[in-house]
Amino acid sequence: MLDHQQQIEADRKHLEEFGYRQELHRSLKFFSNFGVAFTYLSPVVGFYSLYAFGLQTGGPAFFWGIPVVVIGQLLVVLIFSELAAKFPLAGALYQWGRRLMGKKYGWFVGWIYGWALLVTITAVDYGSSPYVASALGLSGRQGELILITLVMVVAQTLINAIGVTRLSILINVGVAMEIIGTLCIGLVLLFFPHQPASIVNTTLGVQGHGSYAPVFLLALLFSGFIFFGFESAADVAEEVINPRKRVPKAMISALIVGGITTMFAVFTFLRATPNMALAMNVAKTPNPVTYVLTSSIGPTASDIFLWVVIIAFLSCGAAVEAAATRVFYSYARDRVIPFSQFLSHVSPKYQTPTNALWVSGGIALILSFSAKFESILTSFAVVGIYLAFQMIMLGALVARSRGMRADPLFNLKGWAWPINVLALIYGIGMIFNLARPTNPTAPWYINYEVILATAAIIILGILVYLLSATAKLAPALRMEKTNEEETLS
């Protein structure tokens, strides 16, 4: 077994086999790498943002959507784990795509994924703003919420700027807040049971006289919006010591632990709900989480708990921004986007891609002014990430059919093919469920807003790709022209 410095040296040499120098600070061990993935996935952020949607859409039985999505995403994360062990590179999905299917394919995987991450930063920070406003005693007007969003983005950017080691401190605090926010509060709520354990099997008539299946599919989005982000452990692979072993373990652990803690939190909140009909009434109870906490542990303890939620949001946004920064740094290092030299700069002091970070933070700040369209932003972010995931699932299948072999450190062996196929089928199904029209009375452009936003990002990507390709060819064209002129003279 290699000691600490020997392992870092071995990782450096392995990175050089891909043609890259070790520029980022390699210091993360398993727990910090797990923390990046877990705080991005963030059961607290997902639960406290979406519990009202899940309960009021699908009734208490929406609980059963959690294991459905976790099992589906487990198929995805197993394939990702093979790829993370084989290609432990920063900006994971971009790098995987280009090595599975070629540079152009990888470029578009990374483009869609990168923009989804940037939008996610804004969606997470805007989602935190009502909690911050409440904790500070503000009225929660739109201007205040946007200002809070801007402050959150700036704070996360500054934390990211001072290096991954210091970021990991916030990440570790975030993990602690996740534990307090789900497990500890859940344990407290077990002492305030108002509903039977069988409440998770009831729909309370949300389906009307029709089938529950369409309602359940819609409520399934509660889980679909939560259980991703585990791949961020691979986005920072070049900062992880022994990433070929630790990154797969971190991704799988983040998903499984996130699934268990979310199921526990949902179960305990359902049991502790004094009046389920009131909690499901959107007009009377816009936030059933606050309703349950205030009823059970009192307003003072509930207000204190707000800060636990706020810190969890802060660490989640910081983890997402770290992932986005590594994607664009990885692009720039390969010289495949405009301003590559600028974006690939790494701070000598902090060994962080600071220029890519400033750009990522700047874009998130601009997007913050459109944060009032949070539902559109969130939906696009999730669809974009699922789309990038399934492009990797498809690429892995094609590469596997061409003879690609997994790294011996993580090899699914005979299970690889069926897991890969099932993961692709599951992911395509989730994309349709996320993007399908759900409001027959709304204008067409509202029902198809997610598809339109995704199409706009893809079209913009085509333009940027063409610009990047032209810029990359320009030096060769200039050299060719010079040689031609010398021949003529």
Protein backbone atom coordinates (compact mmCIF):
# COMPACT_ATOMS: atom_id res chain seq x y z
CA MET A 1 0.00 0.00 0.00
CA LEU A 2 1.30 3.43 -0.95
CA ASP A 3 1.73 6.15 1.65
CA HIS A 4 0.16 9.61 1.27
CA GLN A 5 2.89 11.23 -0.84
CA GLN A 6 3.49 8.12 -2.92
CA GLN A 7 -0.21 7.96 -3.77
CA ILE A 8 -0.27 11.62 -4.81
CA GLU A 9 2.77 10.99 -7.02
CA ALA A 10 1.10 7.92 -8.54
CA ASP A 11 -2.02 9.98 -9.23
CA ARG A 12 0.09 12.69 -10.88
CA LYS A 13 1.74 10.16 -13.19
CA HIS A 14 -1.61 8.59 -14.05
CA LEU A 15 -3.00 12.03 -14.95
CA GLU A 16 -0.02 12.63 -17.24
CA GLU A 17 -0.98 9.48 -19.17
CA PHE A 18 -4.05 11.44 -20.33
CA GLY A 19 -1.82 14.33 -21.43
CA TYR A 20 -2.51 16.67 -18.52
CA ARG A 21 -0.27 18.21 -15.87
CA GLN A 22 -1.27 18.22 -12.21
CA GLU A 23 -2.36 21.85 -11.74
CA LEU A 24 -5.18 21.55 -9.18
CA HIS A 25 -4.48 20.90 -5.51
CA ARG A 26 -4.87 17.17 -4.82
CA SER A 27 -5.89 17.00 -1.17
CA LEU A 28 -9.40 15.52 -0.89
CA LYS A 29 -9.83 12.18 0.86
CA PHE A 30 -12.94 10.02 0.87
CA PHE A 31 -15.08 11.96 3.34
CA SER A 32 -14.49 15.33 1.67
CA ASN A 33 -15.12 13.83 -1.76
CA PHE A 34 -18.29 12.19 -0.43
CA GLY A 35 -19.22 15.55 1.09
CA VAL A 36 -19.02 17.33 -2.28
CA ALA A 37 -21.44 14.81 -3.79
CA PHE A 38 -23.71 14.60 -0.75
CA THR A 39 -24.08 18.36 -0.22
CA TYR A 40 -24.82 18.84 -3.94
CA LEU A 41 -27.44 16.07 -3.83
CA SER A 42 -28.51 17.61 -0.49
CA PRO A 43 -31.51 15.87 1.06
CA VAL A 44 -32.13 19.01 3.14
CA VAL A 45 -32.26 21.37 0.15
CA GLY A 46 -34.36 18.97 -1.89
CA PHE A 47 -36.70 18.07 0.94
CA TYR A 48 -37.35 21.59 2.22
CA SER A 49 -37.75 22.96 -1.32
CA LEU A 50 -40.01 20.24 -2.71
CA TYR A 51 -41.87 18.57 0.15
CA ALA A 52 -44.93 20.78 -0.41
CA PHE A 53 -44.98 19.86 -4.10
CA GLY A 54 -44.68 16.13 -3.40
CA LEU A 55 -47.32 16.03 -0.66
CA GLN A 56 -49.85 18.37 -2.25
CA THR A 57 -49.50 16.74 -5.67
CA GLY A 58 -49.39 13.04 -4.83
CA GLY A 59 -50.69 12.81 -1.28
CA PRO A 60 -48.71 10.89 1.37
CA ALA A 61 -48.15 7.99 -1.06
CA PHE A 62 -45.68 10.18 -2.97
CA PHE A 63 -43.25 8.65 -0.44
CA TRP A 64 -42.93 5.56 -2.67
CA GLY A 65 -41.47 7.60 -5.50
CA ILE A 66 -38.24 7.95 -3.51
CA PRO A 67 -37.09 4.29 -3.79
CA VAL A 68 -38.20 4.19 -7.46
CA VAL A 69 -35.89 7.09 -8.40
CA VAL A 70 -33.05 6.02 -6.10
CA ILE A 71 -32.99 2.55 -7.69
CA GLY A 72 -33.06 4.09 -11.17
CA GLN A 73 -30.24 6.48 -10.32
CA LEU A 74 -28.27 3.64 -8.72
CA LEU A 75 -28.13 2.03 -12.17
CA VAL A 76 -26.73 5.29 -13.53
CA VAL A 77 -24.19 5.75 -10.75
CA LEU A 78 -22.84 2.23 -11.24
CA ILE A 79 -22.01 3.02 -14.87
CA PHE A 80 -20.58 6.38 -13.79
CA SER A 81 -18.40 4.55 -11.28
CA GLU A 82 -16.85 2.43 -14.03
CA LEU A 83 -16.12 5.58 -16.01
CA ALA A 84 -14.80 7.50 -12.98
CA ALA A 85 -12.30 4.72 -12.28
CA LYS A 86 -11.23 4.57 -15.92
CA PHE A 87 -11.14 8.35 -16.57
CA PRO A 88 -10.52 10.20 -13.24
CA LEU A 89 -10.50 13.66 -14.82
CA ALA A 90 -11.87 17.09 -13.90
CA GLY A 91 -15.16 17.98 -15.59
CA ALA A 92 -16.15 14.33 -15.58
CA LEU A 93 -19.08 14.06 -18.00
CA TYR A 94 -17.37 16.18 -20.65
CA GLN A 95 -14.22 14.07 -20.45
CA TRP A 96 -16.14 10.79 -20.41
CA GLY A 97 -18.23 11.78 -23.43
CA ARG A 98 -15.25 12.73 -25.59
CA ARG A 99 -13.45 9.48 -24.75
CA LEU A 100 -16.51 7.32 -25.31
CA MET A 101 -17.85 8.86 -28.52
CA GLY A 102 -15.42 11.50 -29.73
CA LYS A 103 -14.55 15.14 -29.11
CA LYS A 104 -17.68 16.67 -30.66
CA TYR A 105 -20.02 14.39 -28.70
CA GLY A 106 -18.18 15.10 -25.45
CA TRP A 107 -18.27 18.82 -26.15
CA PHE A 108 -22.07 18.85 -26.30
CA VAL A 109 -22.42 16.61 -23.25
CA GLY A 110 -20.33 19.07 -21.27
CA TRP A 111 -22.12 22.10 -22.71
CA ILE A 112 -25.57 20.86 -21.68
CA TYR A 113 -24.31 19.63 -18.31
CA GLY A 114 -22.33 22.81 -17.61
CA TRP A 115 -25.27 25.11 -18.26
CA ALA A 116 -27.51 22.90 -16.15
CA LEU A 117 -25.04 23.33 -13.30
CA LEU A 118 -24.97 27.12 -13.69
CA VAL A 119 -28.76 27.28 -13.63
CA THR A 120 -28.79 24.95 -10.63
CA ILE A 121 -26.64 27.40 -8.65
CA THR A 122 -29.26 30.10 -9.17
CA ALA A 123 -32.16 27.74 -8.48
CA VAL A 124 -30.59 26.55 -5.21
CA ASP A 125 -29.74 30.05 -4.00
CA TYR A 126 -33.14 31.46 -4.92
CA GLY A 127 -34.71 28.48 -3.17
CA SER A 128 -32.84 29.48 -0.02
CA SER A 129 -33.98 33.11 -0.14
CA PRO A 130 -37.40 32.67 1.55
CA TYR A 131 -35.70 30.87 4.47
CA VAL A 132 -33.05 33.60 4.78
CA ALA A 133 -35.74 36.30 4.58
CA SER A 134 -37.76 34.57 7.28
CA ALA A 135 -34.70 34.14 9.53
CA LEU A 136 -33.85 37.85 9.14
CA GLY A 137 -37.43 38.99 9.68
CA LEU A 138 -37.79 40.41 6.17
CA SER A 139 -41.07 40.62 4.29
CA GLY A 140 -39.89 38.35 1.47
CA ARG A 141 -40.67 40.73 -1.38
CA GLN A 142 -39.30 39.80 -4.80
CA GLY A 143 -36.52 42.38 -4.66
CA GLU A 144 -35.36 41.09 -1.28
CA LEU A 145 -35.34 37.50 -2.52
CA ILE A 146 -33.21 38.40 -5.54
CA LEU A 147 -30.80 40.39 -3.35
CA ILE A 148 -30.43 37.39 -1.01
CA THR A 149 -29.78 35.19 -4.05
CA LEU A 150 -27.02 37.54 -5.22
CA VAL A 151 -25.39 37.55 -1.77
CA MET A 152 -25.47 33.74 -1.64
CA VAL A 153 -23.79 33.47 -5.07
CA VAL A 154 -21.06 35.94 -4.08
CA ALA A 155 -20.42 34.14 -0.78
CA GLN A 156 -20.13 30.75 -2.51
CA THR A 157 -17.80 32.16 -5.17
CA LEU A 158 -15.47 33.68 -2.57
CA ILE A 159 -15.39 30.40 -0.63
CA ASN A 160 -14.55 28.49 -3.80
CA ALA A 161 -11.84 30.99 -4.70
CA ILE A 162 -9.69 30.24 -1.65
CA GLY A 163 -9.10 26.64 -2.59
CA VAL A 164 -10.63 23.19 -2.43
CA THR A 165 -9.14 22.49 1.02
CA ARG A 166 -11.04 25.41 2.55
CA LEU A 167 -14.11 24.58 0.48
CA SER A 168 -14.04 21.13 2.03
CA ILE A 169 -14.43 22.75 5.46
CA LEU A 170 -17.74 24.29 4.37
CA ILE A 171 -18.67 20.98 2.73
CA ASN A 172 -18.02 19.12 5.99
CA VAL A 173 -20.14 21.64 7.89
CA GLY A 174 -22.80 21.16 5.22
CA VAL A 175 -22.75 17.41 5.79
CA ALA A 176 -23.27 18.04 9.51
CA MET A 177 -26.21 20.32 8.74
CA GLU A 178 -27.66 17.64 6.47
CA ILE A 179 -27.49 15.14 9.33
CA ILE A 180 -29.08 17.58 11.78
CA GLY A 181 -31.66 18.65 9.20
CA THR A 182 -32.83 15.16 8.32
CA LEU A 183 -31.85 12.54 10.87
CA CYS A 184 -31.87 14.59 14.07
CA ILE A 185 -35.05 16.53 13.33
CA GLY A 186 -36.64 13.31 12.11
CA LEU A 187 -35.79 11.58 15.38
CA VAL A 188 -37.34 14.46 17.32
CA LEU A 189 -40.49 14.30 15.23
CA LEU A 190 -40.89 10.60 16.02
CA PHE A 191 -41.96 11.75 19.51
CA PHE A 192 -44.88 13.67 18.01
CA PRO A 193 -46.85 11.03 16.07
CA HIS A 194 -50.22 12.21 14.79
CA GLN A 195 -50.62 9.79 11.89
CA PRO A 196 -50.25 5.99 11.67
CA ALA A 197 -47.22 4.48 9.93
CA SER A 198 -49.58 3.31 7.18
CA ILE A 199 -50.09 6.96 6.16
CA VAL A 200 -47.46 6.41 3.44
CA ASN A 201 -49.89 4.05 1.67
CA THR A 202 -52.72 6.57 1.36
CA THR A 203 -53.44 9.06 -1.42
CA LEU A 204 -56.27 10.93 0.34
CA GLY A 205 -58.13 11.11 -2.94
CA VAL A 206 -55.73 13.35 -4.90
CA GLN A 207 -56.44 11.27 -8.01
CA GLY A 208 -60.16 12.05 -7.91
CA HIS A 209 -62.15 9.36 -9.70
CA GLY A 210 -59.31 8.48 -12.08
CA SER A 211 -56.19 6.37 -11.84
CA TYR A 212 -53.45 7.31 -9.39
CA ALA A 213 -50.72 6.47 -11.93
CA PRO A 214 -50.63 9.88 -13.71
CA VAL A 215 -50.66 11.67 -10.36
CA PHE A 216 -47.87 9.45 -9.06
CA LEU A 217 -45.76 10.15 -12.15
CA LEU A 218 -46.13 13.87 -11.54
CA ALA A 219 -45.34 13.51 -7.82
CA LEU A 220 -42.34 11.41 -8.83
CA LEU A 221 -40.68 14.68 -9.80
CA PHE A 222 -40.14 15.35 -6.08
CA SER A 223 -37.53 12.59 -6.13
CA GLY A 224 -36.40 13.29 -9.69
CA PHE A 225 -35.43 16.82 -8.67
CA ILE A 226 -33.38 15.60 -5.69
CA PHE A 227 -31.37 12.50 -6.58
CA PHE A 228 -28.58 13.75 -8.77
CA GLY A 229 -25.39 15.62 -7.97
CA PHE A 230 -23.52 12.49 -6.92
CA GLU A 231 -21.47 12.88 -10.10
CA SER A 232 -19.87 16.05 -8.69
CA ALA A 233 -17.51 13.75 -6.78
CA ALA A 234 -16.07 12.87 -10.20
CA ASP A 235 -16.01 16.50 -11.39
CA VAL A 236 -13.31 17.20 -8.77
CA ALA A 237 -11.45 13.92 -9.40
CA GLU A 238 -8.13 15.65 -10.04
CA GLU A 239 -8.27 17.05 -6.51
CA VAL A 240 -8.93 13.66 -4.90
CA ILE A 241 -6.18 11.42 -3.56
CA ASN A 242 -6.55 7.96 -5.13
CA PRO A 243 -9.63 8.97 -7.18
CA ARG A 244 -9.95 5.65 -9.03
CA LYS A 245 -10.97 4.00 -5.75
CA ARG A 246 -12.48 6.89 -3.79
CA VAL A 247 -14.64 8.63 -6.40
CA PRO A 248 -16.83 5.58 -7.23
CA LYS A 249 -17.26 4.86 -3.53
CA ALA A 250 -18.15 8.51 -2.84
CA MET A 251 -20.77 8.68 -5.61
CA ILE A 252 -22.51 5.45 -4.61
CA SER A 253 -22.42 6.34 -0.92
CA ALA A 254 -23.85 9.83 -1.53
CA LEU A 255 -26.82 8.42 -3.46
CA ILE A 256 -27.61 5.63 -1.00
CA VAL A 257 -27.19 7.77 2.13
CA GLY A 258 -29.18 10.57 0.47
CA GLY A 259 -31.98 8.17 -0.39
CA ILE A 260 -32.19 6.71 3.11
CA THR A 261 -32.13 10.10 4.86
CA THR A 262 -34.79 11.53 2.52
CA MET A 263 -37.10 8.56 3.05
CA PHE A 264 -36.64 8.91 6.80
CA ALA A 265 -37.34 12.66 6.73
CA VAL A 266 -40.48 12.28 4.60
CA PHE A 267 -41.78 9.46 6.81
CA THR A 268 -41.25 11.36 10.05
CA PHE A 269 -42.84 14.56 8.71
CA LEU A 270 -45.86 12.63 7.44
CA ARG A 271 -46.33 10.95 10.83
CA ALA A 272 -45.91 14.24 12.70
CA THR A 273 -48.50 16.13 10.62
CA PRO A 274 -51.38 17.08 12.96
CA ASN A 275 -53.95 17.68 10.23
CA MET A 276 -53.12 16.06 6.88
CA ALA A 277 -56.00 17.71 5.04
CA LEU A 278 -54.76 21.12 6.18
CA ALA A 279 -51.16 20.31 5.23
CA MET A 280 -52.30 19.33 1.72
CA ASN A 281 -54.31 22.54 1.25
CA VAL A 282 -52.10 24.77 -0.91
CA ALA A 283 -54.06 27.92 -0.13
CA LYS A 284 -54.07 27.47 3.64
CA THR A 285 -50.66 25.79 4.06
CA PRO A 286 -48.20 26.90 1.38
CA ASN A 287 -45.31 25.44 3.41
CA PRO A 288 -46.25 22.19 5.21
CA VAL A 289 -42.66 21.83 6.48
CA THR A 290 -42.98 24.99 8.58
CA TYR A 291 -46.46 23.92 9.65
CA VAL A 292 -45.22 20.56 10.98
CA LEU A 293 -42.14 22.02 12.69
CA THR A 294 -44.07 24.83 14.38
CA SER A 295 -46.78 22.42 15.53
CA SER A 296 -44.27 19.91 16.89
CA ILE A 297 -41.24 21.75 18.28
CA GLY A 298 -42.62 25.26 18.58
CA PRO A 299 -41.89 28.51 16.70
CA THR A 300 -38.65 29.34 18.54
CA ALA A 301 -36.98 26.00 17.84
CA SER A 302 -38.35 26.15 14.30
CA ASP A 303 -36.72 29.57 13.77
CA ILE A 304 -33.38 28.28 15.07
CA PHE A 305 -33.64 25.34 12.74
CA LEU A 306 -33.96 27.75 9.80
CA TRP A 307 -30.23 28.46 10.08
CA VAL A 308 -29.46 24.75 9.72
CA VAL A 309 -31.40 24.80 6.46
CA ILE A 310 -29.68 28.00 5.28
CA ILE A 311 -26.19 26.58 5.85
CA ALA A 312 -27.20 23.44 3.97
CA PHE A 313 -28.31 25.62 1.03
CA LEU A 314 -25.03 27.56 1.15
CA SER A 315 -22.89 24.42 1.06
CA CYS A 316 -25.06 22.89 -1.67
CA GLY A 317 -24.65 25.93 -3.93
CA ALA A 318 -20.90 25.99 -3.29
CA ALA A 319 -20.59 22.31 -4.28
CA VAL A 320 -22.57 22.91 -7.49
CA GLU A 321 -20.40 25.92 -8.36
CA ALA A 322 -17.24 23.88 -7.75
CA ALA A 323 -18.51 21.25 -10.20
CA ALA A 324 -19.44 23.86 -12.84
CA THR A 325 -16.04 25.53 -12.54
CA ARG A 326 -14.20 22.23 -13.12
CA VAL A 327 -16.29 21.53 -16.23
CA PHE A 328 -15.40 24.86 -17.84
CA TYR A 329 -11.78 24.60 -16.71
CA SER A 330 -11.61 21.16 -18.34
CA TYR A 331 -13.02 22.61 -21.58
CA ALA A 332 -10.56 25.48 -21.55
CA ARG A 333 -7.58 23.23 -20.84
CA ASP A 334 -8.44 21.37 -24.06
CA ARG A 335 -8.70 24.72 -25.91
CA VAL A 336 -12.21 23.97 -27.19
CA ILE A 337 -14.09 27.09 -26.03
CA PRO A 338 -13.50 30.80 -26.62
CA PHE A 339 -11.10 32.54 -24.19
CA SER A 340 -9.57 29.16 -23.36
CA GLN A 341 -6.24 30.57 -22.20
CA PHE A 342 -8.00 32.89 -19.77
CA LEU A 343 -10.44 30.25 -18.47
CA SER A 344 -7.76 27.58 -17.99
CA HIS A 345 -5.71 29.78 -15.64
CA VAL A 346 -5.07 28.19 -12.25
CA SER A 347 -4.22 30.35 -9.23
CA PRO A 348 -0.63 29.55 -8.16
CA LYS A 349 -1.54 30.33 -4.55
CA TYR A 350 -4.77 28.37 -4.17
CA GLN A 351 -4.38 25.92 -7.09
CA THR A 352 -7.95 26.68 -8.11
CA PRO A 353 -9.19 27.58 -11.63
CA THR A 354 -10.09 31.08 -10.48
CA ASN A 355 -10.91 32.62 -13.87
CA ALA A 356 -13.36 29.84 -14.70
CA LEU A 357 -14.78 30.37 -11.22
CA TRP A 358 -15.28 34.13 -11.72
CA VAL A 359 -17.05 33.48 -15.02
CA SER A 360 -19.25 30.77 -13.50
CA GLY A 361 -20.12 33.03 -10.57
CA GLY A 362 -20.75 35.97 -12.90
CA ILE A 363 -23.17 33.97 -15.05
CA ALA A 364 -24.96 32.75 -11.91
CA LEU A 365 -25.27 36.37 -10.77
CA ILE A 366 -26.84 37.38 -14.09
CA LEU A 367 -29.22 34.42 -13.95
CA SER A 368 -30.24 35.50 -10.45
CA PHE A 369 -32.20 38.41 -11.90
CA SER A 370 -34.47 35.88 -13.61
CA ALA A 371 -34.84 33.86 -10.41
CA LYS A 372 -38.54 34.70 -10.14
CA PHE A 373 -38.96 32.10 -12.89
CA GLU A 374 -37.66 29.51 -10.44
CA SER A 375 -39.89 26.68 -11.71
CA ILE A 376 -38.53 27.11 -15.26
CA LEU A 377 -34.94 27.33 -14.04
CA THR A 378 -35.27 24.26 -11.85
CA SER A 379 -37.00 22.22 -14.54
CA PHE A 380 -34.40 23.10 -17.16
CA ALA A 381 -31.55 22.36 -14.77
CA VAL A 382 -32.92 18.91 -13.98
CA VAL A 383 -33.79 18.05 -17.59
CA GLY A 384 -30.36 19.26 -18.74
CA ILE A 385 -28.59 17.09 -16.19
CA TYR A 386 -30.71 14.04 -17.01
CA LEU A 387 -30.10 14.62 -20.72
CA ALA A 388 -26.33 14.78 -20.17
CA PHE A 389 -26.54 11.64 -18.01
CA GLN A 390 -28.32 9.70 -20.75
CA MET A 391 -25.90 10.88 -23.41
CA ILE A 392 -23.20 9.26 -21.26
CA MET A 393 -25.32 6.10 -20.85
CA LEU A 394 -25.68 5.90 -24.64
CA GLY A 395 -21.98 6.63 -25.17
CA ALA A 396 -21.03 3.91 -22.68
CA LEU A 397 -23.18 1.38 -24.53
CA VAL A 398 -21.63 2.26 -27.88
CA ALA A 399 -18.09 2.20 -26.46
CA ARG A 400 -18.81 -1.12 -24.76
CA SER A 401 -20.00 -2.58 -28.06
CA ARG A 402 -16.70 -1.46 -29.60
CA GLY A 403 -14.72 -3.34 -26.99
CA MET A 404 -14.11 -0.77 -24.26
CA ARG A 405 -13.08 -2.46 -21.03
CA ALA A 406 -13.61 -1.19 -17.51
CA ASP A 407 -10.80 -0.41 -15.11
CA PRO A 408 -10.06 -3.38 -12.84
CA LEU A 409 -10.56 -1.14 -9.79
CA PHE A 410 -14.28 -0.89 -10.59
CA ASN A 411 -15.66 -3.45 -13.00
CA LEU A 412 -19.31 -4.50 -13.26
CA LYS A 413 -18.25 -7.52 -15.36
CA GLY A 414 -21.24 -9.47 -16.66
CA TRP A 415 -23.69 -7.04 -15.08
CA ALA A 416 -22.43 -4.08 -17.10
CA TRP A 417 -24.62 -4.58 -20.18
CA PRO A 418 -27.99 -5.07 -18.43
CA ILE A 419 -27.30 -2.25 -15.95
CA ASN A 420 -26.28 0.10 -18.77
CA VAL A 421 -29.39 -0.70 -20.85
CA LEU A 422 -31.77 -0.37 -17.89
CA ALA A 423 -30.11 2.89 -16.83
CA LEU A 424 -30.65 4.33 -20.31
CA ILE A 425 -34.30 3.24 -20.40
CA TYR A 426 -34.94 4.66 -16.93
CA GLY A 427 -33.27 7.97 -17.79
CA ILE A 428 -35.18 8.46 -21.04
CA GLY A 429 -38.41 7.77 -19.15
CA MET A 430 -37.51 10.39 -16.55
CA ILE A 431 -36.70 12.97 -19.24
CA PHE A 432 -40.14 12.48 -20.81
CA ASN A 433 -41.76 12.72 -17.39
CA LEU A 434 -39.87 15.91 -16.58
CA ALA A 435 -40.52 17.62 -19.92
CA ARG A 436 -44.08 16.51 -20.72
CA PRO A 437 -46.94 19.05 -20.58
CA THR A 438 -48.77 18.86 -17.26
CA ASN A 439 -51.26 21.75 -17.46
CA PRO A 440 -53.77 21.39 -20.30
CA THR A 441 -55.25 24.85 -19.63
CA ALA A 442 -51.94 26.73 -19.85
CA PRO A 443 -50.66 28.32 -23.10
CA TRP A 444 -48.53 26.00 -25.26
CA TYR A 445 -45.33 27.92 -24.58
CA ILE A 446 -45.81 27.41 -20.84
CA ASN A 447 -46.34 23.67 -21.24
CA TYR A 448 -43.26 23.38 -23.44
CA GLU A 449 -41.07 25.94 -21.65
CA VAL A 450 -38.53 23.35 -20.52
CA ILE A 451 -38.18 21.92 -24.03
CA LEU A 452 -37.87 25.43 -25.49
CA ALA A 453 -35.22 26.42 -22.93
CA THR A 454 -33.25 23.22 -23.59
CA ALA A 455 -33.46 23.78 -27.36
CA ALA A 456 -32.19 27.35 -26.91
CA ILE A 457 -29.17 26.13 -24.94
CA ILE A 458 -28.40 23.51 -27.61
CA ILE A 459 -28.66 26.09 -30.43
CA LEU A 460 -26.40 28.45 -28.49
CA GLY A 461 -24.01 25.54 -28.01
CA ILE A 462 -23.88 24.92 -31.76
CA LEU A 463 -22.95 28.57 -32.34
CA VAL A 464 -20.27 28.53 -29.65
CA TYR A 465 -18.91 25.23 -30.93
CA LEU A 466 -18.60 26.62 -34.46
CA LEU A 467 -16.88 29.72 -33.06
CA SER A 468 -14.53 27.54 -31.03
CA ALA A 469 -13.76 25.32 -34.00
CA THR A 470 -13.03 28.36 -36.17
CA ALA A 471 -10.77 29.85 -33.50
CA LYS A 472 -8.93 26.56 -33.17
CA LEU A 473 -8.39 26.29 -36.92
CA ALA A 474 -7.28 29.92 -37.31
CA PRO A 475 -3.60 29.41 -36.34
CA ALA A 476 -3.31 26.47 -38.75
CA LEU A 477 -4.92 28.50 -41.52
CA ARG A 478 -2.57 31.42 -40.86
CA MET A 479 0.44 29.08 -40.94
CA GLU A 480 -0.79 27.50 -44.17
CA LYS A 481 -1.26 30.94 -45.74
CA THR A 482 2.25 32.01 -44.66
CA ASN A 483 3.82 28.90 -46.17
CA GLU A 484 1.91 29.50 -49.40
CA GLU A 485 3.15 33.11 -49.56
CA GLU A 486 6.75 31.99 -48.97
CA THR A 487 6.46 29.43 -51.78
CA LEU A 488 5.09 32.04 -54.19
CA SER A 489 7.90 34.47 -53.36
